[in-house]
Amino acid sequence: MGNLEKEYKYCQKIMKNYTKTFANAFEHLSTEKRNALWSIYALYHNVDESIKVHKDIEYLNKIKQDVQQIYNGETKKFHSNTKIMKPLAQTIYLYDLPKSALETFIQTVEDDFVFSANDTDQQLEQYCYGVSGVIGELLNPIFTQSQIETAKVAEANAMSITLGKALQLTKILRNVGKDYSNGKIYISIEKLEYYNVDLDSIYYNGVTPNYAHLWESYANLIERNFSYILDHLYLFDDDIEPIIVLTIKTYQGLLEEVRKNLYDVTKHANLSSYKKSKIYRNVMETYSKS
């Protein structure tokens, strides 16, 4: 096994440690696609952990420096994690990943370190784009590797970005209480005021009908975007379709868990291993028959 192959396996291990279901879903893909997805996920996790867990701006700057080096063609020595950066460099080269998307992602995560609240839904959408929509943008060249029509690739790219933003908004709806306890309010202040919702009161005194209506207004937007993407799966490579469906079904499951918790912001909605496995089996069985 060559060094680069070992480093791709290292990226795979990171993914399996944090999202085994999706890591398993990649097994039916070609080696090239699998490797590319592993490397992008490993970078995502590395950047995210540097701030959310370690609060290490210095390390994030090293990642930023390494990304700049890769696009300058300098790949002999890295300053952050070589076992992630080397395979990432190969993925960037093979799929011509947009530098702007990586830069936006890293900058958004860095800005999140001192973030406290979104004033408007426009700011919320921009945040969702910067932290997750850009990941869709990075994945799209892999998702559409077999697509030769430029217009369809562009349309798929818009879908990938929309998917990324919807996934992030789902996470926000799941983590309202957790984020609030950490001094962060991602739901926009304008929307809170429109629905006459005081998050402090919701957190300490319990959910109100107004909060449930506010929450559902965002959830309905997510569901509409999910439905639109599911209606346009033909834009993506055939082997990618089940991964997108699995992702959407899993995140729809998270929304349902919040509803089962009656929107209680002090409860962390999660899918059990059984439910994750059931969704995985149903999706994969559907595609194995088609």
Protein backbone atom coordinates (compact mmCIF):
# COMPACT_ATOMS: atom_id res chain seq x y z
CA MET A 1 0.00 0.00 0.00
CA GLY A 2 1.49 3.34 -1.09
CA ASN A 3 1.70 6.37 1.17
CA LEU A 4 -1.14 8.22 -0.58
CA GLU A 5 -3.39 5.18 -0.30
CA LYS A 6 -2.62 4.97 3.42
CA GLU A 7 -3.51 8.63 3.80
CA TYR A 8 -6.83 8.11 2.03
CA LYS A 9 -7.51 5.27 4.46
CA TYR A 10 -6.70 7.67 7.30
CA CYS A 11 -9.38 10.03 5.94
CA GLN A 12 -11.80 7.12 5.67
CA LYS A 13 -11.16 6.25 9.32
CA ILE A 14 -12.03 9.80 10.37
CA MET A 15 -15.32 9.56 8.51
CA LYS A 16 -16.17 6.12 9.93
CA ASN A 17 -15.53 7.39 13.45
CA TYR A 18 -18.06 10.19 13.08
CA THR A 19 -20.59 9.04 10.49
CA LYS A 20 -20.38 5.31 9.89
CA THR A 21 -23.67 5.13 7.97
CA PHE A 22 -22.51 7.52 5.26
CA ALA A 23 -19.04 5.98 5.17
CA ASN A 24 -20.68 2.63 4.42
CA ALA A 25 -22.79 4.22 1.69
CA PHE A 26 -19.60 5.19 -0.15
CA GLU A 27 -18.46 1.57 -0.45
CA HIS A 28 -20.30 1.02 -3.75
CA LEU A 29 -18.52 3.97 -5.40
CA SER A 30 -15.39 3.79 -7.50
CA THR A 31 -12.11 4.03 -5.59
CA GLU A 32 -11.46 7.48 -7.05
CA LYS A 33 -14.81 8.87 -5.91
CA ARG A 34 -14.56 7.24 -2.49
CA ASN A 35 -11.10 8.66 -1.93
CA ALA A 36 -12.22 12.13 -2.98
CA LEU A 37 -15.24 12.12 -0.65
CA TRP A 38 -13.16 10.83 2.26
CA SER A 39 -10.56 13.57 1.81
CA ILE A 40 -13.16 16.36 1.68
CA TYR A 41 -14.94 15.02 4.76
CA ALA A 42 -11.63 14.76 6.63
CA LEU A 43 -10.85 18.39 5.81
CA TYR A 44 -14.37 19.43 6.87
CA HIS A 45 -13.96 17.66 10.19
CA ASN A 46 -10.43 19.01 10.72
CA VAL A 47 -11.51 22.62 10.14
CA ASP A 48 -14.69 22.26 12.20
CA GLU A 49 -12.91 20.64 15.16
CA SER A 50 -10.13 23.23 15.16
CA ILE A 51 -12.62 25.89 16.28
CA LYS A 52 -15.63 24.15 17.83
CA VAL A 53 -13.60 21.73 19.96
CA HIS A 54 -10.05 23.06 20.25
CA LYS A 55 -10.74 26.80 19.71
CA ASP A 56 -7.37 26.95 17.96
CA ILE A 57 -7.21 29.86 15.50
CA GLU A 58 -3.48 29.28 15.02
CA TYR A 59 -4.09 25.74 13.76
CA LEU A 60 -6.90 26.96 11.50
CA ASN A 61 -4.46 29.45 9.99
CA LYS A 62 -2.11 26.55 9.27
CA ILE A 63 -4.91 24.80 7.39
CA LYS A 64 -5.56 28.02 5.50
CA GLN A 65 -1.86 28.24 4.63
CA ASP A 66 -1.82 24.63 3.43
CA VAL A 67 -4.84 25.17 1.17
CA GLN A 68 -3.14 28.20 -0.36
CA GLN A 69 0.00 26.12 -0.95
CA ILE A 70 -1.97 23.38 -2.69
CA TYR A 71 -3.43 25.85 -5.17
CA ASN A 72 0.06 27.26 -5.70
CA GLY A 73 1.28 23.76 -6.57
CA GLU A 74 3.39 23.41 -3.41
CA THR A 75 2.61 20.00 -1.90
CA LYS A 76 5.89 18.75 -0.45
CA LYS A 77 5.47 20.10 3.09
CA PHE A 78 2.35 20.98 5.05
CA HIS A 79 1.83 22.85 8.31
CA SER A 80 -1.36 21.23 9.64
CA ASN A 81 -2.18 17.54 9.08
CA THR A 82 -0.16 16.05 6.22
CA LYS A 83 -2.27 12.87 6.23
CA ILE A 84 -5.31 14.97 5.29
CA MET A 85 -3.66 17.60 3.11
CA LYS A 86 -1.87 15.20 0.74
CA PRO A 87 -5.02 13.33 -0.31
CA LEU A 88 -6.93 16.62 -0.40
CA ALA A 89 -4.32 18.02 -2.80
CA GLN A 90 -4.84 15.00 -5.05
CA THR A 91 -8.63 15.46 -4.95
CA ILE A 92 -8.32 19.17 -5.77
CA TYR A 93 -6.10 18.28 -8.72
CA LEU A 94 -8.34 15.46 -10.04
CA TYR A 95 -11.64 17.32 -9.75
CA ASP A 96 -10.52 20.94 -10.12
CA LEU A 97 -12.25 21.93 -6.89
CA PRO A 98 -13.05 25.65 -6.58
CA LYS A 99 -10.60 27.47 -4.32
CA SER A 100 -13.19 30.10 -3.42
CA ALA A 101 -15.44 27.45 -1.82
CA LEU A 102 -12.65 26.21 0.44
CA GLU A 103 -11.66 29.74 1.41
CA THR A 104 -15.26 30.68 2.18
CA PHE A 105 -15.71 27.58 4.32
CA ILE A 106 -12.58 28.19 6.38
CA GLN A 107 -13.37 31.88 6.82
CA THR A 108 -16.96 31.17 7.91
CA VAL A 109 -15.78 28.67 10.51
CA GLU A 110 -13.23 31.20 11.75
CA ASP A 111 -15.90 33.92 11.96
CA ASP A 112 -18.13 31.52 13.91
CA PHE A 113 -15.57 31.61 16.72
CA VAL A 114 -16.78 35.09 17.72
CA PHE A 115 -20.32 34.79 16.30
CA SER A 116 -23.26 35.58 18.59
CA ALA A 117 -26.42 36.08 16.48
CA ASN A 118 -27.88 36.47 12.98
CA ASP A 119 -29.95 39.64 12.67
CA THR A 120 -31.72 38.60 9.45
CA ASP A 121 -32.68 35.47 7.53
CA GLN A 122 -30.34 36.68 4.80
CA GLN A 123 -27.44 36.48 7.25
CA LEU A 124 -28.63 33.04 8.35
CA GLU A 125 -28.71 31.83 4.76
CA GLN A 126 -25.24 33.26 4.14
CA TYR A 127 -23.96 31.40 7.20
CA CYS A 128 -25.54 28.14 6.02
CA TYR A 129 -23.92 28.65 2.63
CA GLY A 130 -20.51 29.43 4.11
CA VAL A 131 -20.36 26.48 6.46
CA SER A 132 -22.22 23.82 4.43
CA GLY A 133 -23.44 25.05 1.04
CA VAL A 134 -19.82 25.40 -0.03
CA ILE A 135 -19.26 21.75 0.86
CA GLY A 136 -21.97 20.91 -1.68
CA GLU A 137 -20.08 23.08 -4.14
CA LEU A 138 -16.89 21.10 -3.45
CA LEU A 139 -18.68 17.76 -3.78
CA ASN A 140 -20.52 18.59 -7.00
CA PRO A 141 -17.60 17.81 -9.38
CA ILE A 142 -17.53 14.33 -7.81
CA PHE A 143 -21.32 14.02 -7.87
CA THR A 144 -21.42 14.89 -11.59
CA GLN A 145 -18.23 13.24 -12.84
CA SER A 146 -20.09 11.43 -15.64
CA GLN A 147 -22.19 14.45 -16.65
CA ILE A 148 -20.96 16.00 -19.89
CA GLU A 149 -23.56 18.76 -20.34
CA THR A 150 -22.23 21.99 -18.84
CA ALA A 151 -25.71 23.38 -18.19
CA LYS A 152 -26.71 20.29 -16.20
CA VAL A 153 -23.49 20.41 -14.16
CA ALA A 154 -24.28 24.03 -13.28
CA GLU A 155 -27.85 23.10 -12.33
CA ALA A 156 -26.57 20.22 -10.22
CA ASN A 157 -24.14 22.60 -8.54
CA ALA A 158 -27.03 24.82 -7.48
CA MET A 159 -28.78 21.71 -6.12
CA SER A 160 -25.67 20.63 -4.20
CA ILE A 161 -25.39 24.07 -2.61
CA THR A 162 -29.10 24.06 -1.73
CA LEU A 163 -28.72 20.62 -0.17
CA GLY A 164 -25.76 21.78 1.92
CA LYS A 165 -27.66 24.82 3.18
CA ALA A 166 -30.73 22.71 4.03
CA LEU A 167 -28.61 20.23 5.98
CA GLN A 168 -27.04 23.03 8.00
CA LEU A 169 -30.41 24.61 8.72
CA THR A 170 -31.61 21.20 9.95
CA LYS A 171 -28.66 21.05 12.35
CA ILE A 172 -29.52 24.54 13.58
CA LEU A 173 -33.14 23.54 14.25
CA ARG A 174 -31.94 20.49 16.15
CA ASN A 175 -29.42 22.42 18.25
CA VAL A 176 -31.32 25.60 19.17
CA GLY A 177 -31.00 25.00 22.92
CA LYS A 178 -27.42 23.75 22.81
CA ASP A 179 -26.33 26.72 20.72
CA TYR A 180 -28.20 29.15 22.98
CA SER A 181 -26.44 27.75 26.05
CA ASN A 182 -23.15 28.43 24.23
CA GLY A 183 -24.10 32.05 23.56
CA LYS A 184 -25.06 31.60 19.90
CA ILE A 185 -28.40 32.29 18.22
CA TYR A 186 -28.50 31.13 14.60
CA ILE A 187 -32.24 31.59 14.07
CA SER A 188 -32.57 35.17 12.89
CA ILE A 189 -33.51 37.92 15.33
CA GLU A 190 -36.01 39.28 12.78
CA LYS A 191 -37.80 35.91 12.68
CA LEU A 192 -37.80 35.64 16.49
CA GLU A 193 -39.35 39.10 16.70
CA TYR A 194 -41.89 38.33 13.96
CA TYR A 195 -43.12 35.27 15.88
CA ASN A 196 -42.77 37.05 19.25
CA VAL A 197 -40.39 34.42 20.60
CA ASP A 198 -38.01 35.02 23.51
CA LEU A 199 -35.38 32.27 23.38
CA ASP A 200 -34.35 32.86 26.97
CA SER A 201 -37.89 32.18 28.12
CA ILE A 202 -38.18 29.17 25.79
CA TYR A 203 -34.94 27.73 27.14
CA TYR A 204 -35.82 28.10 30.81
CA ASN A 205 -39.63 27.96 30.85
CA GLY A 206 -40.52 25.69 27.95
CA VAL A 207 -41.84 25.80 24.40
CA THR A 208 -44.72 28.03 23.29
CA PRO A 209 -47.02 27.63 20.25
CA ASN A 210 -45.28 30.63 18.69
CA TYR A 211 -41.92 28.89 18.92
CA ALA A 212 -43.36 25.75 17.32
CA HIS A 213 -44.74 27.85 14.44
CA LEU A 214 -41.37 29.58 14.05
CA TRP A 215 -39.55 26.24 14.02
CA GLU A 216 -41.97 24.78 11.47
CA SER A 217 -41.55 27.79 9.17
CA TYR A 218 -37.89 26.86 8.79
CA ALA A 219 -38.62 23.12 8.68
CA ASN A 220 -41.11 23.63 5.84
CA LEU A 221 -38.45 25.50 3.87
CA ILE A 222 -36.06 22.60 4.39
CA GLU A 223 -38.68 20.06 3.30
CA ARG A 224 -39.49 22.03 0.15
CA ASN A 225 -35.81 22.12 -0.76
CA PHE A 226 -35.44 18.40 -0.07
CA SER A 227 -38.43 17.62 -2.30
CA TYR A 228 -37.06 19.78 -5.10
CA ILE A 229 -33.69 18.02 -4.96
CA LEU A 230 -35.33 14.57 -4.94
CA ASP A 231 -37.22 15.58 -8.09
CA HIS A 232 -33.92 16.43 -9.81
CA LEU A 233 -31.76 13.43 -8.94
CA TYR A 234 -31.24 12.79 -12.67
CA LEU A 235 -28.73 15.65 -12.65
CA PHE A 236 -26.32 13.54 -10.60
CA ASP A 237 -24.36 10.40 -11.44
CA ASP A 238 -26.37 7.21 -10.91
CA ASP A 239 -24.04 5.95 -8.17
CA ILE A 240 -24.43 9.22 -6.25
CA GLU A 241 -28.25 9.20 -6.17
CA PRO A 242 -28.61 6.77 -3.22
CA ILE A 243 -26.13 8.84 -1.18
CA ILE A 244 -28.19 11.99 -1.70
CA VAL A 245 -31.43 10.16 -0.89
CA LEU A 246 -29.84 8.62 2.22
CA THR A 247 -28.67 12.05 3.35
CA ILE A 248 -32.10 13.62 2.89
CA LYS A 249 -33.98 10.75 4.56
CA THR A 250 -31.60 10.86 7.53
CA TYR A 251 -32.02 14.59 8.03
CA GLN A 252 -35.78 14.32 7.61
CA GLY A 253 -35.56 11.80 10.42
CA LEU A 254 -33.81 14.37 12.60
CA LEU A 255 -36.62 16.86 12.02
CA GLU A 256 -39.13 14.21 13.06
CA GLU A 257 -37.17 13.53 16.26
CA VAL A 258 -37.40 17.22 17.20
CA ARG A 259 -41.15 17.05 16.62
CA LYS A 260 -41.39 13.93 18.81
CA ASN A 261 -39.59 15.90 21.52
CA LEU A 262 -42.34 18.54 21.14
CA TYR A 263 -39.71 21.09 20.06
CA ASP A 264 -38.13 21.03 23.54
CA VAL A 265 -34.86 22.94 23.07
CA THR A 266 -33.30 21.28 26.13
CA LYS A 267 -33.55 17.84 24.49
CA HIS A 268 -30.96 16.89 21.87
CA ALA A 269 -32.76 15.12 19.03
CA ASN A 270 -30.85 12.17 17.69
CA LEU A 271 -31.53 9.19 15.48
CA SER A 272 -30.89 5.85 17.14
CA SER A 273 -28.51 3.39 15.51
CA TYR A 274 -31.53 1.24 14.71
CA LYS A 275 -33.31 4.06 12.88
CA LYS A 276 -30.16 5.02 10.98
CA SER A 277 -29.66 1.41 9.93
CA LYS A 278 -33.30 1.09 8.88
CA ILE A 279 -33.09 4.21 6.69
CA TYR A 280 -29.83 2.93 5.21
CA ARG A 281 -31.28 -0.51 4.42
CA ASN A 282 -34.46 0.90 2.88
CA VAL A 283 -32.55 3.27 0.59
CA MET A 284 -29.96 0.73 -0.48
CA GLU A 285 -32.57 -1.98 -1.08
CA THR A 286 -34.56 0.41 -3.26
CA TYR A 287 -31.54 1.15 -5.43
CA SER A 288 -30.36 -2.45 -5.58
CA LYS A 289 -33.71 -3.36 -7.19
CA SER A 290 -33.63 -0.54 -9.74
